[in-house]
N, C-alpha and C. Protein backbone atom coordinates (compact mmCIF):
# COMPACT_ATOMS: atom_id res chain seq x y z
N MET A 1 2.26 -7.63 17.76
CA MET A 1 3.27 -8.34 17.03
C MET A 1 4.64 -7.72 17.31
N ASN A 2 5.64 -8.47 17.05
CA ASN A 2 6.99 -8.06 17.38
C ASN A 2 7.84 -7.88 16.12
N TRP A 3 7.29 -7.31 15.09
CA TRP A 3 7.96 -7.19 13.80
C TRP A 3 8.61 -5.82 13.70
N ILE A 4 9.91 -5.78 13.42
CA ILE A 4 10.63 -4.51 13.27
C ILE A 4 11.46 -4.58 11.99
N TYR A 5 11.37 -3.54 11.17
CA TYR A 5 12.18 -3.44 9.96
C TYR A 5 12.85 -2.08 9.95
N PRO A 6 14.19 -2.03 10.01
CA PRO A 6 14.87 -0.74 9.97
C PRO A 6 14.77 -0.11 8.58
N ILE A 7 14.43 1.17 8.54
CA ILE A 7 14.23 1.85 7.26
C ILE A 7 15.53 2.44 6.74
N ASP A 8 16.18 3.24 7.52
CA ASP A 8 17.35 3.97 7.03
C ASP A 8 18.50 3.99 8.03
N GLY A 9 18.49 3.10 8.98
CA GLY A 9 19.52 3.09 10.00
C GLY A 9 19.22 4.02 11.16
N LYS A 10 18.22 4.89 10.99
CA LYS A 10 17.86 5.85 12.04
C LYS A 10 16.47 5.58 12.61
N SER A 11 15.61 4.95 11.82
CA SER A 11 14.24 4.74 12.26
C SER A 11 13.75 3.37 11.80
N ASN A 12 12.67 2.91 12.42
CA ASN A 12 12.07 1.63 12.09
C ASN A 12 10.69 1.84 11.48
N SER A 13 10.28 0.89 10.68
CA SER A 13 8.94 0.94 10.10
C SER A 13 7.91 0.67 11.20
N THR A 14 6.66 0.89 10.87
CA THR A 14 5.57 0.66 11.80
C THR A 14 4.61 -0.34 11.18
N LEU A 15 4.21 -1.33 11.94
CA LEU A 15 3.24 -2.32 11.50
C LEU A 15 1.85 -1.82 11.82
N LEU A 16 0.99 -1.73 10.80
CA LEU A 16 -0.38 -1.27 10.97
C LEU A 16 -1.33 -2.25 10.31
N ALA A 17 -2.42 -2.59 10.97
CA ALA A 17 -3.50 -3.36 10.35
C ALA A 17 -4.59 -2.35 10.02
N VAL A 18 -4.80 -2.10 8.73
CA VAL A 18 -5.70 -1.02 8.30
C VAL A 18 -6.58 -1.46 7.13
N ASP A 19 -7.59 -0.65 6.84
CA ASP A 19 -8.43 -0.84 5.66
C ASP A 19 -7.70 -0.29 4.45
N LEU A 20 -7.75 -1.03 3.33
CA LEU A 20 -7.15 -0.61 2.08
C LEU A 20 -8.20 -0.58 0.97
N LEU A 21 -8.05 0.35 0.05
CA LEU A 21 -8.82 0.31 -1.19
C LEU A 21 -7.99 -0.46 -2.20
N SER A 22 -8.66 -1.23 -3.05
CA SER A 22 -7.96 -1.99 -4.06
C SER A 22 -8.68 -1.84 -5.38
N GLY A 23 -7.92 -1.62 -6.43
CA GLY A 23 -8.52 -1.49 -7.75
C GLY A 23 -7.45 -1.51 -8.83
N GLU A 24 -7.88 -1.46 -10.06
CA GLU A 24 -6.95 -1.57 -11.19
C GLU A 24 -6.29 -0.26 -11.58
N THR A 25 -6.73 0.86 -11.00
CA THR A 25 -6.24 2.17 -11.40
C THR A 25 -5.07 2.62 -10.54
N LEU A 26 -3.97 2.98 -11.18
CA LEU A 26 -2.83 3.58 -10.49
C LEU A 26 -3.20 5.02 -10.15
N ILE A 27 -3.10 5.40 -8.90
CA ILE A 27 -3.50 6.75 -8.47
C ILE A 27 -2.26 7.55 -8.11
N ASN A 28 -2.12 8.70 -8.76
CA ASN A 28 -1.03 9.62 -8.47
C ASN A 28 -1.55 11.05 -8.58
N ASP A 29 -2.69 11.28 -7.94
CA ASP A 29 -3.36 12.57 -8.00
C ASP A 29 -3.99 12.85 -6.64
N LYS A 30 -3.51 13.87 -5.95
CA LYS A 30 -3.96 14.16 -4.59
C LYS A 30 -5.46 14.42 -4.53
N LYS A 31 -6.00 15.15 -5.48
CA LYS A 31 -7.44 15.47 -5.47
C LYS A 31 -8.28 14.19 -5.57
N TYR A 32 -7.93 13.30 -6.50
CA TYR A 32 -8.66 12.05 -6.65
C TYR A 32 -8.50 11.17 -5.41
N ARG A 33 -7.27 11.10 -4.90
CA ARG A 33 -7.02 10.34 -3.67
C ARG A 33 -7.90 10.85 -2.54
N ASP A 34 -7.96 12.17 -2.37
CA ASP A 34 -8.76 12.75 -1.30
C ASP A 34 -10.25 12.50 -1.49
N GLU A 35 -10.72 12.47 -2.74
CA GLU A 35 -12.13 12.12 -3.01
C GLU A 35 -12.43 10.69 -2.55
N LEU A 36 -11.52 9.77 -2.85
CA LEU A 36 -11.70 8.39 -2.42
C LEU A 36 -11.72 8.28 -0.90
N ILE A 37 -10.83 9.00 -0.25
CA ILE A 37 -10.78 8.99 1.22
C ILE A 37 -12.08 9.55 1.80
N SER A 38 -12.63 10.59 1.18
CA SER A 38 -13.88 11.16 1.70
C SER A 38 -15.04 10.16 1.59
N LEU A 39 -14.99 9.29 0.58
CA LEU A 39 -16.02 8.27 0.41
C LEU A 39 -15.81 7.06 1.34
N HIS A 40 -14.57 6.86 1.75
CA HIS A 40 -14.19 5.71 2.59
C HIS A 40 -13.27 6.21 3.71
N PRO A 41 -13.84 6.88 4.73
CA PRO A 41 -13.00 7.56 5.74
C PRO A 41 -12.12 6.65 6.60
N THR A 42 -12.38 5.36 6.66
CA THR A 42 -11.52 4.48 7.47
C THR A 42 -10.31 3.97 6.71
N VAL A 43 -10.24 4.24 5.41
CA VAL A 43 -9.16 3.75 4.57
C VAL A 43 -7.85 4.45 4.90
N LYS A 44 -6.78 3.68 4.95
CA LYS A 44 -5.45 4.23 5.23
C LYS A 44 -4.48 4.01 4.10
N GLY A 45 -4.91 3.36 3.01
CA GLY A 45 -4.01 3.11 1.90
C GLY A 45 -4.74 2.51 0.72
N GLY A 46 -3.99 2.36 -0.35
CA GLY A 46 -4.54 1.77 -1.55
C GLY A 46 -3.50 0.90 -2.24
N GLU A 47 -3.97 -0.02 -3.06
CA GLU A 47 -3.07 -0.91 -3.76
C GLU A 47 -3.79 -1.49 -4.97
N MET A 48 -3.08 -2.21 -5.81
CA MET A 48 -3.64 -2.64 -7.09
C MET A 48 -3.75 -4.16 -7.27
N GLU A 49 -3.28 -4.96 -6.35
CA GLU A 49 -3.30 -6.40 -6.56
C GLU A 49 -4.40 -7.13 -5.79
N GLY A 50 -4.84 -6.57 -4.69
CA GLY A 50 -5.77 -7.26 -3.80
C GLY A 50 -7.12 -7.60 -4.40
N ALA A 51 -7.66 -6.75 -5.28
CA ALA A 51 -8.96 -7.02 -5.88
C ALA A 51 -8.92 -8.32 -6.67
N GLY A 52 -7.86 -8.54 -7.42
CA GLY A 52 -7.72 -9.77 -8.20
C GLY A 52 -7.54 -10.98 -7.31
N ILE A 53 -6.74 -10.84 -6.27
CA ILE A 53 -6.53 -11.94 -5.33
C ILE A 53 -7.84 -12.29 -4.64
N SER A 54 -8.58 -11.27 -4.22
CA SER A 54 -9.86 -11.48 -3.56
C SER A 54 -10.84 -12.25 -4.45
N ALA A 55 -10.93 -11.82 -5.71
CA ALA A 55 -11.85 -12.48 -6.64
C ALA A 55 -11.46 -13.94 -6.86
N ALA A 56 -10.17 -14.19 -7.05
CA ALA A 56 -9.71 -15.56 -7.29
C ALA A 56 -9.94 -16.45 -6.07
N CYS A 57 -9.66 -15.92 -4.88
CA CYS A 57 -9.79 -16.71 -3.66
C CYS A 57 -11.25 -16.91 -3.26
N ALA A 58 -12.11 -15.95 -3.53
CA ALA A 58 -13.53 -16.08 -3.17
C ALA A 58 -14.17 -17.25 -3.89
N SER A 59 -13.82 -17.42 -5.15
CA SER A 59 -14.43 -18.51 -5.92
C SER A 59 -13.97 -19.89 -5.43
N LYS A 60 -12.85 -19.93 -4.73
CA LYS A 60 -12.31 -21.19 -4.21
C LYS A 60 -12.47 -21.30 -2.69
N ASN A 61 -13.14 -20.30 -2.09
CA ASN A 61 -13.36 -20.26 -0.64
C ASN A 61 -12.02 -20.35 0.12
N LYS A 62 -11.03 -19.56 -0.30
CA LYS A 62 -9.70 -19.53 0.31
C LYS A 62 -9.47 -18.22 1.05
N ASN A 63 -8.80 -18.29 2.17
CA ASN A 63 -8.41 -17.10 2.92
C ASN A 63 -7.19 -16.46 2.28
N TRP A 64 -7.01 -15.16 2.49
CA TRP A 64 -5.87 -14.46 1.93
C TRP A 64 -5.57 -13.24 2.78
N ILE A 65 -4.38 -12.69 2.59
CA ILE A 65 -3.96 -11.49 3.32
C ILE A 65 -3.05 -10.67 2.40
N ILE A 66 -3.05 -9.37 2.60
CA ILE A 66 -2.16 -8.48 1.85
C ILE A 66 -1.16 -7.87 2.83
N VAL A 67 0.10 -7.91 2.48
CA VAL A 67 1.15 -7.23 3.23
C VAL A 67 1.78 -6.24 2.26
N LYS A 68 1.74 -4.96 2.60
CA LYS A 68 2.20 -3.91 1.68
C LYS A 68 3.27 -3.05 2.34
N GLY A 69 4.18 -2.59 1.54
CA GLY A 69 5.13 -1.57 1.93
C GLY A 69 4.76 -0.29 1.20
N ILE A 70 4.79 0.83 1.88
CA ILE A 70 4.40 2.11 1.27
C ILE A 70 5.59 2.73 0.55
N CYS A 71 5.40 3.05 -0.73
CA CYS A 71 6.48 3.70 -1.47
C CYS A 71 6.08 5.09 -1.98
N ASP A 72 4.78 5.41 -1.90
CA ASP A 72 4.34 6.76 -2.28
C ASP A 72 2.97 7.01 -1.64
N PHE A 73 2.50 8.24 -1.77
CA PHE A 73 1.25 8.62 -1.11
C PHE A 73 0.16 9.06 -2.08
N ALA A 74 0.26 8.66 -3.35
CA ALA A 74 -0.75 8.97 -4.36
C ALA A 74 -1.07 10.46 -4.40
N ASP A 75 -0.04 11.28 -4.26
CA ASP A 75 -0.23 12.73 -4.13
C ASP A 75 0.35 13.52 -5.29
N GLY A 76 0.67 12.84 -6.40
CA GLY A 76 1.25 13.51 -7.54
C GLY A 76 2.77 13.52 -7.54
N ASN A 77 3.38 12.94 -6.50
CA ASN A 77 4.84 12.93 -6.38
C ASN A 77 5.43 11.53 -6.50
N LYS A 78 4.74 10.64 -7.18
CA LYS A 78 5.15 9.25 -7.29
C LYS A 78 6.56 9.09 -7.84
N ASP A 79 6.99 9.99 -8.73
CA ASP A 79 8.29 9.85 -9.36
C ASP A 79 9.44 10.43 -8.55
N VAL A 80 9.15 11.15 -7.47
CA VAL A 80 10.20 11.73 -6.64
C VAL A 80 10.85 10.61 -5.82
N ASP A 81 12.13 10.37 -6.04
CA ASP A 81 12.88 9.31 -5.35
C ASP A 81 12.23 7.94 -5.49
N LYS A 82 11.58 7.70 -6.64
CA LYS A 82 10.81 6.47 -6.86
C LYS A 82 11.63 5.20 -6.63
N ASP A 83 12.80 5.10 -7.25
CA ASP A 83 13.59 3.87 -7.12
C ASP A 83 14.00 3.62 -5.67
N LYS A 84 14.46 4.64 -5.00
CA LYS A 84 14.87 4.53 -3.59
C LYS A 84 13.68 4.12 -2.72
N ASN A 85 12.54 4.78 -2.90
CA ASN A 85 11.36 4.48 -2.08
C ASN A 85 10.83 3.07 -2.33
N GLN A 86 10.89 2.59 -3.56
CA GLN A 86 10.43 1.23 -3.83
C GLN A 86 11.36 0.19 -3.20
N ILE A 87 12.64 0.46 -3.16
CA ILE A 87 13.58 -0.47 -2.51
C ILE A 87 13.29 -0.54 -1.02
N ILE A 88 13.08 0.62 -0.39
CA ILE A 88 12.77 0.65 1.04
C ILE A 88 11.46 -0.09 1.32
N ALA A 89 10.41 0.19 0.53
CA ALA A 89 9.10 -0.42 0.73
C ALA A 89 9.15 -1.92 0.52
N GLY A 90 10.03 -2.37 -0.36
CA GLY A 90 10.16 -3.80 -0.65
C GLY A 90 11.09 -4.53 0.29
N GLY A 91 11.51 -3.90 1.35
CA GLY A 91 12.38 -4.56 2.31
C GLY A 91 13.80 -4.72 1.82
N GLY A 92 14.21 -3.81 0.91
CA GLY A 92 15.57 -3.86 0.42
C GLY A 92 15.72 -4.68 -0.86
N CYS A 93 14.60 -5.24 -1.37
CA CYS A 93 14.65 -6.04 -2.60
C CYS A 93 14.80 -5.13 -3.81
N HIS A 94 15.53 -5.58 -4.81
CA HIS A 94 15.71 -4.82 -6.05
C HIS A 94 14.92 -5.46 -7.15
């Protein structure tokens, strides 16, 4: 694909097609995150909306896709530069 999004005027984002974990729990703990990764070694990220979308679409036999921007790494530092990181991950949206 030919998709490029400038992050900070110095570098561009990277498009990756990866496995994600999805669930209702907000994770901000490195130890718990690492436990999940050890159980699912191909996973490259996590998010909270996909499980609901999957359930709703499965019952209607509809296809779906998730596009995510990374704003933290579930490592206990979620609040460090949170507002700035969320703006960048959202493509500049406020």
